[in-house]
C-alpha atoms as a PDB file:
ATOM      1  CA  MET A   1     -14.736  31.730 -33.136  1.00  0.00           C
ATOM      2  CA  GLY A   2     -11.197  30.330 -33.695  1.00  0.00           C
ATOM      3  CA  LYS A   3      -8.420  29.950 -30.982  1.00  0.00           C
ATOM      4  CA  VAL A   4      -5.560  31.963 -29.832  1.00  0.00           C
ATOM      5  CA  ALA A   5      -2.481  30.262 -28.682  1.00  0.00           C
ATOM      6  CA  ILE A   6      -0.547  31.723 -25.771  1.00  0.00           C
ATOM      7  CA  VAL A   7       3.230  30.831 -25.579  1.00  0.00           C
ATOM      8  CA  MET A   8       4.813  31.574 -22.271  1.00  0.00           C
ATOM      9  CA  THR A   9       8.442  32.524 -22.228  1.00  0.00           C
ATOM     10  CA  GLY A  10       8.754  34.135 -18.727  1.00  0.00           C
ATOM     11  CA  GLY A  11       9.511  37.680 -17.817  1.00  0.00           C
ATOM     12  CA  THR A  12       8.155  39.969 -15.184  1.00  0.00           C
ATOM     13  CA  ILE A  13       4.555  39.234 -16.353  1.00  0.00           C
ATOM     14  CA  THR A  14       4.992  35.862 -14.631  1.00  0.00           C
ATOM     15  CA  MET A  15       6.932  37.223 -11.454  1.00  0.00           C
ATOM     16  CA  LYS A  16       5.989  37.892  -8.092  1.00  0.00           C
ATOM     17  CA  ILE A  17       8.093  38.864  -4.775  1.00  0.00           C
ATOM     18  CA  PHE A  18       8.029  36.082  -2.220  1.00  0.00           C
ATOM     19  CA  ASP A  19      10.729  37.636  -0.151  1.00  0.00           C
ATOM     20  CA  PRO A  20      11.430  41.334  -0.346  1.00  0.00           C
ATOM     21  CA  ALA A  21      15.191  40.796   0.368  1.00  0.00           C
ATOM     22  CA  GLU A  22      15.563  38.561  -2.624  1.00  0.00           C
ATOM     23  CA  GLY A  23      13.457  40.310  -5.289  1.00  0.00           C
ATOM     24  CA  ALA A  24      10.969  39.159  -7.845  1.00  0.00           C
ATOM     25  CA  PHE A  25      11.130  35.555  -9.370  1.00  0.00           C
ATOM     26  CA  PRO A  26       8.919  33.603 -11.754  1.00  0.00           C
ATOM     27  CA  MET A  27       5.814  32.195 -10.220  1.00  0.00           C
ATOM     28  CA  GLN A  28       2.817  32.096 -12.532  1.00  0.00           C
ATOM     29  CA  ASP A  29       2.537  29.363 -15.002  1.00  0.00           C
ATOM     30  CA  ALA A  30       0.008  29.402 -17.814  1.00  0.00           C
ATOM     31  CA  SER A  31      -2.810  27.868 -16.096  1.00  0.00           C
ATOM     32  CA  ASP A  32      -2.800  30.693 -13.388  1.00  0.00           C
ATOM     33  CA  ILE A  33      -3.306  33.439 -16.109  1.00  0.00           C
ATOM     34  CA  ILE A  34      -5.721  31.406 -18.134  1.00  0.00           C
ATOM     35  CA  LYS A  35      -7.855  30.789 -15.050  1.00  0.00           C
ATOM     36  CA  VAL A  36      -8.127  34.434 -14.352  1.00  0.00           C
ATOM     37  CA  LEU A  37      -8.925  35.304 -18.091  1.00  0.00           C
ATOM     38  CA  ASN A  38     -11.715  32.640 -18.065  1.00  0.00           C
ATOM     39  CA  ASP A  39     -13.226  33.541 -14.672  1.00  0.00           C
ATOM     40  CA  THR A  40     -13.188  37.345 -15.152  1.00  0.00           C
ATOM     41  CA  LEU A  41     -13.636  37.984 -19.042  1.00  0.00           C
ATOM     42  CA  GLY A  42     -14.913  34.693 -20.226  1.00  0.00           C
ATOM     43  CA  PHE A  43     -12.231  33.737 -22.823  1.00  0.00           C
ATOM     44  CA  GLU A  44     -13.000  30.357 -23.823  1.00  0.00           C
ATOM     45  CA  ASN A  45     -10.937  30.079 -26.864  1.00  0.00           C
ATOM     46  CA  LEU A  46      -7.403  30.168 -25.499  1.00  0.00           C
ATOM     47  CA  VAL A  47      -4.755  27.305 -25.680  1.00  0.00           C
ATOM     48  CA  THR A  48      -1.508  27.495 -23.733  1.00  0.00           C
ATOM     49  CA  HIS A  49       1.959  26.359 -24.578  1.00  0.00           C
ATOM     50  CA  PRO A  50       4.808  26.707 -22.036  1.00  0.00           C
ATOM     51  CA  PHE A  51       8.058  27.394 -23.741  1.00  0.00           C
ATOM     52  CA  SER A  52      10.284  28.607 -21.005  1.00  0.00           C
ATOM     53  CA  MET A  53      10.313  30.431 -17.592  1.00  0.00           C
ATOM     54  CA  ILE A  54      13.216  32.776 -17.964  1.00  0.00           C
ATOM     55  CA  PRO A  55      13.967  36.337 -17.191  1.00  0.00           C
ATOM     56  CA  SER A  56      14.424  38.563 -20.395  1.00  0.00           C
ATOM     57  CA  PRO A  57      18.197  38.834 -20.006  1.00  0.00           C
ATOM     58  CA  SER A  58      18.564  35.180 -20.395  1.00  0.00           C
ATOM     59  CA  MET A  59      17.007  35.292 -23.901  1.00  0.00           C
ATOM     60  CA  THR A  60      19.488  34.340 -26.640  1.00  0.00           C
ATOM     61  CA  LEU A  61      19.419  34.186 -30.419  1.00  0.00           C
ATOM     62  CA  GLU A  62      19.525  30.395 -30.116  1.00  0.00           C
ATOM     63  CA  LYS A  63      16.385  30.659 -27.986  1.00  0.00           C
ATOM     64  CA  MET A  64      14.667  32.953 -30.341  1.00  0.00           C
ATOM     65  CA  GLN A  65      15.392  30.579 -33.262  1.00  0.00           C
ATOM     66  CA  ALA A  66      13.976  27.709 -31.147  1.00  0.00           C
ATOM     67  CA  LEU A  67      10.920  29.977 -30.289  1.00  0.00           C
ATOM     68  CA  LYS A  68      10.224  30.465 -34.065  1.00  0.00           C
ATOM     69  CA  ASN A  69      10.473  26.578 -34.525  1.00  0.00           C
ATOM     70  CA  PHE A  70       7.930  26.168 -31.640  1.00  0.00           C
ATOM     71  CA  ILE A  71       5.406  28.584 -32.947  1.00  0.00           C
ATOM     72  CA  ASP A  72       5.407  27.467 -36.533  1.00  0.00           C
ATOM     73  CA  PRO A  73       3.138  24.419 -35.948  1.00  0.00           C
ATOM     74  CA  LEU A  74       0.802  26.480 -34.054  1.00  0.00           C
ATOM     75  CA  LEU A  75       0.420  29.095 -36.757  1.00  0.00           C
ATOM     76  CA  ALA A  76      -0.046  26.247 -39.372  1.00  0.00           C
ATOM     77  CA  ASP A  77      -3.147  25.028 -37.342  1.00  0.00           C
ATOM     78  CA  PRO A  78      -6.273  26.101 -39.213  1.00  0.00           C
ATOM     79  CA  GLU A  79      -8.126  26.764 -35.841  1.00  0.00           C
ATOM     80  CA  ILE A  80      -5.462  29.266 -34.627  1.00  0.00           C
ATOM     81  CA  LEU A  81      -6.235  32.943 -35.433  1.00  0.00           C
ATOM     82  CA  GLY A  82      -2.810  34.072 -34.081  1.00  0.00           C
ATOM     83  CA  VAL A  83      -0.158  33.610 -31.356  1.00  0.00           C
ATOM     84  CA  VAL A  84       0.436  35.659 -28.210  1.00  0.00           C
ATOM     85  CA  ILE A  85       3.819  35.369 -26.604  1.00  0.00           C
ATOM     86  CA  THR A  86       4.500  36.630 -23.191  1.00  0.00           C
ATOM     87  CA  HIS A  87       8.070  38.023 -22.711  1.00  0.00           C
ATOM     88  CA  GLY A  88      10.288  40.009 -20.523  1.00  0.00           C
ATOM     89  CA  THR A  89      10.680  43.545 -21.514  1.00  0.00           C
ATOM     90  CA  ASP A  90      14.516  43.987 -21.459  1.00  0.00           C
ATOM     91  CA  ALA A  91      14.983  41.890 -24.664  1.00  0.00           C
ATOM     92  CA  LEU A  92      11.355  41.960 -25.882  1.00  0.00           C
ATOM     93  CA  GLU A  93      12.129  44.368 -28.864  1.00  0.00           C
ATOM     94  CA  GLU A  94      15.052  41.948 -30.050  1.00  0.00           C
ATOM     95  CA  THR A  95      12.782  38.871 -29.902  1.00  0.00           C
ATOM     96  CA  ALA A  96      10.055  40.543 -31.711  1.00  0.00           C
ATOM     97  CA  PHE A  97      12.355  41.833 -34.440  1.00  0.00           C
ATOM     98  CA  TYR A  98      14.071  38.511 -34.824  1.00  0.00           C
ATOM     99  CA  LEU A  99      10.732  36.717 -35.272  1.00  0.00           C
ATOM    100  CA  ASP A 100       9.458  39.480 -37.685  1.00  0.00           C
ATOM    101  CA  LEU A 101      12.376  38.811 -39.961  1.00  0.00           C
ATOM    102  CA  VAL A 102      11.637  35.132 -40.154  1.00  0.00           C
ATOM    103  CA  HIS A 103       7.788  35.364 -39.937  1.00  0.00           C
ATOM    104  CA  GLY A 104       6.101  33.743 -43.049  1.00  0.00           C
ATOM    105  CA  SER A 105       2.444  33.481 -41.905  1.00  0.00           C
ATOM    106  CA  GLU A 106      -0.429  35.797 -42.595  1.00  0.00           C
ATOM    107  CA  LYS A 107      -1.419  35.227 -39.038  1.00  0.00           C
ATOM    108  CA  PRO A 108      -0.285  37.676 -36.356  1.00  0.00           C
ATOM    109  CA  VAL A 109       2.218  37.048 -33.715  1.00  0.00           C
ATOM    110  CA  VAL A 110       1.745  39.463 -30.844  1.00  0.00           C
ATOM    111  CA  ILE A 111       4.348  39.829 -28.131  1.00  0.00           C
ATOM    112  CA  THR A 112       3.494  41.376 -24.757  1.00  0.00           C
ATOM    113  CA  GLY A 113       4.914  41.581 -21.250  1.00  0.00           C
ATOM    114  CA  ALA A 114       4.933  43.665 -17.996  1.00  0.00           C
ATOM    115  CA  MET A 115       6.665  46.519 -16.481  1.00  0.00           C
ATOM    116  CA  LYS A 116       5.550  45.613 -12.997  1.00  0.00           C
ATOM    117  CA  ASN A 117       5.470  42.222 -11.293  1.00  0.00           C
ATOM    118  CA  ALA A 118       2.222  40.753  -9.635  1.00  0.00           C
ATOM    119  CA  SER A 119       3.204  41.881  -6.340  1.00  0.00           C
ATOM    120  CA  GLU A 120       3.424  45.566  -7.252  1.00  0.00           C
ATOM    121  CA  ILE A 121       0.564  47.952  -7.144  1.00  0.00           C
ATOM    122  CA  GLY A 122      -0.564  48.702 -10.702  1.00  0.00           C
ATOM    123  CA  TYR A 123       0.613  45.348 -12.140  1.00  0.00           C
ATOM    124  CA  ASP A 124       0.210  45.751 -15.839  1.00  0.00           C
ATOM    125  CA  GLY A 125       0.604  42.312 -17.008  1.00  0.00           C
ATOM    126  CA  PHE A 126      -3.105  41.269 -17.004  1.00  0.00           C
ATOM    127  CA  ASN A 127      -4.225  44.357 -19.143  1.00  0.00           C
ATOM    128  CA  ASN A 128      -1.258  43.896 -21.579  1.00  0.00           C
ATOM    129  CA  LEU A 129      -2.101  40.214 -22.097  1.00  0.00           C
ATOM    130  CA  VAL A 130      -5.824  40.935 -22.503  1.00  0.00           C
ATOM    131  CA  SER A 131      -5.026  43.632 -25.139  1.00  0.00           C
ATOM    132  CA  ALA A 132      -2.705  41.196 -26.965  1.00  0.00           C
ATOM    133  CA  LEU A 133      -5.425  38.491 -27.092  1.00  0.00           C
ATOM    134  CA  TYR A 134      -7.942  41.030 -28.687  1.00  0.00           C
ATOM    135  CA  THR A 135      -5.258  42.001 -31.109  1.00  0.00           C
ATOM    136  CA  ALA A 136      -4.286  38.366 -32.055  1.00  0.00           C
ATOM    137  CA  GLN A 137      -7.845  37.366 -32.747  1.00  0.00           C
ATOM    138  CA  ASP A 138      -8.857  40.631 -34.690  1.00  0.00           C
ATOM    139  CA  LEU A 139      -8.792  39.790 -38.424  1.00  0.00           C
ATOM    140  CA  ASN A 140      -7.467  43.263 -39.162  1.00  0.00           C
ATOM    141  CA  SER A 141      -4.219  42.112 -37.524  1.00  0.00           C
ATOM    142  CA  GLN A 142      -3.415  39.540 -40.319  1.00  0.00           C
ATOM    143  CA  ASN A 143      -0.586  40.240 -42.720  1.00  0.00           C
ATOM    144  CA  LYS A 144       1.011  42.822 -40.310  1.00  0.00           C
ATOM    145  CA  GLY A 145       3.831  40.508 -39.178  1.00  0.00           C
ATOM    146  CA  VAL A 146       4.913  40.414 -35.555  1.00  0.00           C
ATOM    147  CA  LEU A 147       3.298  42.954 -33.288  1.00  0.00           C
ATOM    148  CA  VAL A 148       4.129  44.456 -29.849  1.00  0.00           C
ATOM    149  CA  VAL A 149       1.244  45.216 -27.567  1.00  0.00           C
ATOM    150  CA  MET A 150       1.928  47.218 -24.485  1.00  0.00           C
ATOM    151  CA  ASN A 151      -0.135  49.733 -22.563  1.00  0.00           C
ATOM    152  CA  TYR A 152      -3.003  49.543 -25.000  1.00  0.00           C
ATOM    153  CA  GLU A 153      -0.903  50.427 -28.019  1.00  0.00           C
ATOM    154  CA  ILE A 154      -0.063  48.203 -31.130  1.00  0.00           C
ATOM    155  CA  HIS A 155       3.529  48.619 -32.553  1.00  0.00           C
ATOM    156  CA  ALA A 156       5.351  46.963 -35.325  1.00  0.00           C
ATOM    157  CA  ALA A 157       8.281  45.051 -34.305  1.00  0.00           C
ATOM    158  CA  TRP A 158      10.485  46.705 -36.739  1.00  0.00           C
ATOM    159  CA  GLU A 159       9.805  50.238 -35.297  1.00  0.00           C
ATOM    160  CA  VAL A 160       9.280  49.725 -31.577  1.00  0.00           C
ATOM    161  CA  THR A 161      11.872  50.313 -28.832  1.00  0.00           C
ATOM    162  CA  LYS A 162      11.866  50.397 -24.993  1.00  0.00           C
ATOM    163  CA  THR A 163      12.377  53.997 -24.039  1.00  0.00           C
ATOM    164  CA  HIS A 164      11.995  54.061 -20.194  1.00  0.00           C
ATOM    165  CA  THR A 165      13.223  51.708 -17.303  1.00  0.00           C
ATOM    166  CA  LEU A 166      10.179  52.284 -15.074  1.00  0.00           C
ATOM    167  CA  ASN A 167       7.230  53.852 -16.895  1.00  0.00           C
ATOM    168  CA  LEU A 168       4.357  51.582 -18.106  1.00  0.00           C
ATOM    169  CA  ASP A 169       4.314  53.679 -21.312  1.00  0.00           C
ATOM    170  CA  THR A 170       7.765  52.541 -22.128  1.00  0.00           C
ATOM    171  CA  PHE A 171       7.541  51.064 -25.565  1.00  0.00           C
ATOM    172  CA  LYS A 172       7.433  53.629 -28.431  1.00  0.00           C
ATOM    173  CA  SER A 173       7.712  53.731 -32.061  1.00  0.00           C
ATOM    174  CA  LEU A 174       9.787  56.919 -32.017  1.00  0.00           C
ATOM    175  CA  SER A 175       9.667  57.894 -35.580  1.00  0.00           C
ATOM    176  CA  PHE A 176       6.210  56.929 -36.614  1.00  0.00           C
ATOM    177  CA  GLY A 177       4.164  56.442 -33.555  1.00  0.00           C
ATOM    178  CA  PRO A 178       2.009  53.182 -32.995  1.00  0.00           C
ATOM    179  CA  LEU A 179      -0.032  51.316 -35.508  1.00  0.00           C
ATOM    180  CA  GLY A 180      -3.210  51.308 -33.400  1.00  0.00           C
ATOM    181  CA  ILE A 181      -4.649  51.104 -30.116  1.00  0.00           C
ATOM    182  CA  ILE A 182      -6.835  48.624 -28.110  1.00  0.00           C
ATOM    183  CA  ASP A 183      -9.914  50.404 -26.696  1.00  0.00           C
ATOM    184  CA  GLY A 184     -11.983  48.094 -24.496  1.00  0.00           C
ATOM    185  CA  GLU A 185     -12.483  45.088 -26.864  1.00  0.00           C
ATOM    186  CA  HIS A 186     -12.064  47.062 -30.025  1.00  0.00           C
ATOM    187  CA  VAL A 187      -8.825  47.014 -31.811  1.00  0.00           C
ATOM    188  CA  ILE A 188      -8.320  50.152 -33.927  1.00  0.00           C
ATOM    189  CA  TYR A 189      -5.613  50.491 -36.494  1.00  0.00           C
ATOM    190  CA  TYR A 190      -4.559  54.232 -37.390  1.00  0.00           C
ATOM    191  CA  ARG A 191      -2.057  53.522 -40.185  1.00  0.00           C
ATOM    192  CA  LEU A 192      -0.709  50.710 -42.168  1.00  0.00           C
ATOM    193  CA  ARG A 193       2.749  49.568 -41.733  1.00  0.00           C
ATOM    194  CA  ASN A 194       5.018  49.539 -44.774  1.00  0.00           C
ATOM    195  CA  ARG A 195       6.314  46.066 -43.825  1.00  0.00           C
ATOM    196  CA  TRP A 196       9.706  45.080 -45.452  1.00  0.00           C
ATOM    197  CA  SER A 197       9.114  42.089 -47.483  1.00  0.00           C
ATOM    198  CA  TYR A 198      11.663  39.721 -45.735  1.00  0.00           C
ATOM    199  CA  ARG A 199      10.933  36.178 -45.425  1.00  0.00           C
ATOM    200  CA  PHE A 200      14.423  34.993 -44.158  1.00  0.00           C
ATOM    201  CA  LYS A 201      14.937  31.333 -43.149  1.00  0.00           C
ATOM    202  CA  ASN A 202      15.292  30.823 -39.575  1.00  0.00           C
ATOM    203  CA  ASP A 203      19.185  30.687 -39.413  1.00  0.00           C
ATOM    204  CA  PHE A 204      21.877  33.164 -38.390  1.00  0.00           C
ATOM    205  CA  HIS A 205      25.634  33.563 -38.110  1.00  0.00           C
ATOM    206  CA  SER A 206      27.531  34.954 -35.237  1.00  0.00           C
ATOM    207  CA  PRO A 207      29.650  36.351 -33.690  1.00  0.00           C
ATOM    208  CA  VAL A 208      28.656  40.113 -34.771  1.00  0.00           C
ATOM    209  CA  PRO A 209      29.837  42.471 -32.086  1.00  0.00           C
ATOM    210  CA  LEU A 210      28.011  45.941 -31.530  1.00  0.00           C
ATOM    211  CA  VAL A 211      30.119  49.032 -30.672  1.00  0.00           C
ATOM    212  CA  THR A 212      28.796  52.328 -29.611  1.00  0.00           C
ATOM    213  CA  THR A 213      30.947  55.342 -30.348  1.00  0.00           C
ATOM    214  CA  TYR A 214      31.440  58.270 -28.063  1.00  0.00           C
ATOM    215  CA  ALA A 215      33.763  61.397 -27.705  1.00  0.00           C
ATOM    216  CA  GLY A 216      37.359  60.318 -27.429  1.00  0.00           C
ATOM    217  CA  ILE A 217      36.817  56.647 -28.296  1.00  0.00           C
ATOM    218  CA  ALA A 218      40.125  54.868 -28.679  1.00  0.00           C
ATOM    219  CA  ALA A 219      40.840  53.051 -31.982  1.00  0.00           C
ATOM    220  CA  ASP A 220      41.352  49.960 -29.997  1.00  0.00           C
ATOM    221  CA  MET A 221      37.572  49.578 -29.488  1.00  0.00           C
ATOM    222  CA  ILE A 222      37.275  48.729 -33.155  1.00  0.00           C
ATOM    223  CA  ASP A 223      40.794  47.577 -33.842  1.00  0.00           C
ATOM    224  CA  GLN A 224      40.354  44.661 -31.360  1.00  0.00           C
ATOM    225  CA  PHE A 225      38.165  42.887 -33.819  1.00  0.00           C
ATOM    226  CA  VAL A 226      40.396  43.142 -36.991  1.00  0.00           C
ATOM    227  CA  ASP A 227      42.046  39.994 -36.403  1.00  0.00           C
ATOM    228  CA  LYS A 228      39.264  38.069 -34.638  1.00  0.00           C
ATOM    229  CA  PRO A 229      36.857  35.673 -36.521  1.00  0.00           C
ATOM    230  CA  ILE A 230      33.888  37.843 -36.480  1.00  0.00           C
ATOM    231  CA  LYS A 231      31.316  37.630 -39.265  1.00  0.00           C
ATOM    232  CA  GLY A 232      30.353  41.322 -39.324  1.00  0.00           C
ATOM    233  CA  ILE A 233      30.275  44.315 -36.973  1.00  0.00           C
ATOM    234  CA  VAL A 234      27.619  47.050 -36.295  1.00  0.00           C
ATOM    235  CA  ILE A 235      28.811  50.539 -35.094  1.00  0.00           C
ATOM    236  CA  GLU A 236      26.462  52.912 -33.372  1.00  0.00           C
ATOM    237  CA  ALA A 237      27.809  56.082 -34.839  1.00  0.00           C
ATOM    238  CA  MET A 238      27.211  59.768 -33.763  1.00  0.00           C
ATOM    239  CA  GLY A 239      24.417  61.831 -35.328  1.00  0.00           C
ATOM    240  CA  ARG A 240      23.806  61.040 -39.061  1.00  0.00           C
ATOM    241  CA  GLY A 241      26.297  58.429 -39.126  1.00  0.00           C
ATOM    242  CA  ASN A 242      29.775  59.821 -38.299  1.00  0.00           C
ATOM    243  CA  VAL A 243      32.579  58.443 -36.302  1.00  0.00           C
ATOM    244  CA  PRO A 244      35.624  59.952 -34.587  1.00  0.00           C
ATOM    245  CA  PRO A 245      38.686  59.929 -37.228  1.00  0.00           C
ATOM    246  CA  GLN A 246      40.669  57.581 -35.170  1.00  0.00           C
ATOM    247  CA  LEU A 247      38.187  54.716 -36.013  1.00  0.00           C
ATOM    248  CA  VAL A 248      38.587  55.165 -39.852  1.00  0.00           C
ATOM    249  CA  ASP A 249      41.701  53.135 -40.003  1.00  0.00           C
ATOM    250  CA  PRO A 250      40.376  50.048 -38.261  1.00  0.00           C
ATOM    251  CA  ILE A 251      37.275  50.237 -40.112  1.00  0.00           C
ATOM    252  CA  GLU A 252      38.990  50.314 -43.430  1.00  0.00           C
ATOM    253  CA  ARG A 253      40.975  47.198 -42.372  1.00  0.00           C
ATOM    254  CA  LEU A 254      37.842  45.391 -41.347  1.00  0.00           C
ATOM    255  CA  ILE A 255      36.300  46.135 -44.942  1.00  0.00           C
ATOM    256  CA  ALA A 256      39.553  45.013 -46.587  1.00  0.00           C
ATOM    257  CA  ARG A 257      39.041  41.624 -44.854  1.00  0.00           C
ATOM    258  CA  ASN A 258      35.450  41.550 -46.474  1.00  0.00           C
ATOM    259  CA  ILE A 259      33.867  41.887 -43.062  1.00  0.00           C
ATOM    260  CA  PRO A 260      30.510  43.897 -43.392  1.00  0.00           C
ATOM    261  CA  VAL A 261      30.588  47.110 -41.373  1.00  0.00           C
ATOM    262  CA  ILE A 262      27.033  48.247 -40.674  1.00  0.00           C
ATOM    263  CA  VAL A 263      26.722  51.996 -39.509  1.00  0.00           C
ATOM    264  CA  VAL A 264      23.512  53.187 -37.592  1.00  0.00           C
ATOM    265  CA  SER A 265      23.145  55.987 -35.118  1.00  0.00           C
ATOM    266  CA  ARG A 266      23.384  56.123 -31.394  1.00  0.00           C
ATOM    267  CA  VAL A 267      20.444  58.811 -31.485  1.00  0.00           C
ATOM    268  CA  PRO A 268      17.185  57.121 -30.510  1.00  0.00           C
ATOM    269  CA  SER A 269      15.260  58.247 -33.729  1.00  0.00           C
ATOM    270  CA  GLY A 270      16.090  59.444 -37.300  1.00  0.00           C
ATOM    271  CA  ARG A 271      18.024  57.675 -39.974  1.00  0.00           C
ATOM    272  CA  VAL A 272      21.620  57.766 -40.929  1.00  0.00           C
ATOM    273  CA  TYR A 273      22.640  59.586 -44.195  1.00  0.00           C
ATOM    274  CA  ASP A 274      25.952  60.502 -45.978  1.00  0.00           C
ATOM    275  CA  THR A 275      25.748  64.093 -45.165  1.00  0.00           C
ATOM    276  CA  TYR A 276      29.512  64.795 -44.246  1.00  0.00           C
ATOM    277  CA  GLY A 277      32.663  64.240 -46.258  1.00  0.00           C
ATOM    278  CA  TYR A 278      35.343  64.822 -43.507  1.00  0.00           C
ATOM    279  CA  PRO A 279      37.307  61.824 -42.190  1.00  0.00           C
ATOM    280  CA  GLY A 280      34.967  59.739 -40.421  1.00  0.00           C
ATOM    281  CA  GLY A 281      31.853  61.487 -41.658  1.00  0.00           C
ATOM    282  CA  GLY A 282      29.046  59.454 -43.263  1.00  0.00           C
ATOM    283  CA  LYS A 283      30.071  60.152 -46.986  1.00  0.00           C
ATOM    284  CA  ASP A 284      33.660  59.152 -46.206  1.00  0.00           C
ATOM    285  CA  LEU A 285      32.484  55.881 -44.461  1.00  0.00           C
ATOM    286  CA  ILE A 286      30.204  55.013 -47.498  1.00  0.00           C
ATOM    287  CA  LYS A 287      33.076  55.641 -49.982  1.00  0.00           C
ATOM    288  CA  LYS A 288      35.186  53.282 -47.936  1.00  0.00           C
ATOM    289  CA  GLY A 289      32.609  50.586 -48.142  1.00  0.00           C
ATOM    290  CA  ALA A 290      30.477  50.832 -44.966  1.00  0.00           C
ATOM    291  CA  ILE A 291      26.921  49.971 -45.248  1.00  0.00           C
ATOM    292  CA  PHE A 292      24.301  52.393 -43.677  1.00  0.00           C
ATOM    293  CA  GLY A 293      21.417  50.922 -41.618  1.00  0.00           C
ATOM    294  CA  THR A 294      18.770  53.713 -42.160  1.00  0.00           C
ATOM    295  CA  ASP A 295      16.698  54.152 -38.800  1.00  0.00           C
ATOM    296  CA  LEU A 296      17.563  50.799 -37.193  1.00  0.00           C
ATOM    297  CA  THR A 297      18.808  50.713 -33.694  1.00  0.00           C
ATOM    298  CA  GLY A 298      22.045  49.028 -33.118  1.00  0.00           C
ATOM    299  CA  LEU A 299      20.321  46.046 -31.471  1.00  0.00           C
ATOM    300  CA  LYS A 300      18.120  45.377 -34.554  1.00  0.00           C
ATOM    301  CA  ALA A 301      20.827  46.162 -37.087  1.00  0.00           C
ATOM    302  CA  ARG A 302      22.905  43.287 -35.389  1.00  0.00           C
ATOM    303  CA  ILE A 303      19.983  40.841 -35.540  1.00  0.00           C
ATOM    304  CA  LEU A 304      19.412  41.810 -39.215  1.00  0.00           C
ATOM    305  CA  LEU A 305      22.964  41.464 -40.188  1.00  0.00           C
ATOM    306  CA  MET A 306      23.347  38.005 -38.468  1.00  0.00           C
ATOM    307  CA  ILE A 307      20.190  36.562 -40.072  1.00  0.00           C
ATOM    308  CA  ALA A 308      21.241  37.982 -43.458  1.00  0.00           C
ATOM    309  CA  LEU A 309      24.677  36.191 -42.984  1.00  0.00           C
ATOM    310  CA  GLY A 310      22.963  33.060 -41.843  1.00  0.00           C
ATOM    311  CA  ASN A 311      20.832  33.201 -45.010  1.00  0.00           C
ATOM    312  CA  LYS A 312      24.078  33.301 -47.025  1.00  0.00           C
ATOM    313  CA  LEU A 313      23.486  36.680 -48.586  1.00  0.00           C
ATOM    314  CA  PRO A 314      26.627  37.956 -50.274  1.00  0.00           C
ATOM    315  CA  LYS A 315      28.034  41.267 -49.168  1.00  0.00           C
ATOM    316  CA  SER A 316      26.792  42.820 -52.542  1.00  0.00           C
ATOM    317  CA  GLU A 317      23.244  42.205 -51.515  1.00  0.00           C
ATOM    318  CA  LEU A 318      23.590  43.539 -47.850  1.00  0.00           C
ATOM    319  CA  GLN A 319      23.140  47.213 -49.021  1.00  0.00           C
ATOM    320  CA  THR A 320      19.832  46.295 -50.486  1.00  0.00           C
ATOM    321  CA  VAL A 321      18.690  44.463 -47.277  1.00  0.00           C
ATOM    322  CA  PHE A 322      19.604  47.667 -45.150  1.00  0.00           C
ATOM    323  CA  THR A 323      18.203  50.258 -47.610  1.00  0.00           C
ATOM    324  CA  TYR A 324      14.963  51.766 -46.653  1.00  0.00           C
ATOM    325  CA  GLN A 325      12.589  51.918 -49.575  1.00  0.00           C
END
């Protein structure tokens, strides 16, 4: 059997409480976890590669870019079946999505983590890691891009999001459900993913702010960016892609400056659509030059826009990039 590379980035899966007054801190390195796997389950095809030991909120796009460069030689190794990345859950979906956009190998990259640290009853890190390893070495996982494996479920990076601050069953693909499950040692896929055919270069442009709309939002929340050197902006609109009317003017001024304005919904699932024609309605925004981001979350739309701009896609092609086929 081929090998599976484990790349450690940190997160709760590597943490333990040494002093209850101080909270959880990183404590496990790769050798600790691999020893447990070898001793209890007989995994003998694992190779470990420490990348970092940081909590999830410390992850940045620069680190995601470096992580992509770090795993590329591993994927190019003919002995490696796939790569498993351990990661904190707070920013896990963002790292997974970034890597998916720039992933060019047929081999799977599987990202996993833990909701509980190793000092807590019900520590889920071990089960999640084992499930990720089974997924990475399964031949049916090839050509599926970057996968997220948590709580015995397999999710596509494009679709998955964290939905609960505590529950072990927190990662969900709200619109479509998981791609499959891990049952014992068996990896079972229920459906095929209609993977978008992106093969972006590993580059991005910033800054791209993200603004969430709400009832009574002041025009200043968008207007503050009109004269700043931003590369683009993502707006989490209401419902099907509608914003309060006071935001229309600053949005128009951004578009007049040739700044891409991407509109998604603050609603957890469902896509935006140009249903309404009133000032600030979806149809009105599209007529003014805004681009709708289908069913992407604001977090993911921001990453996609940054990478698309980093790949020097002209504004005329951004509509195609964000259009759901």
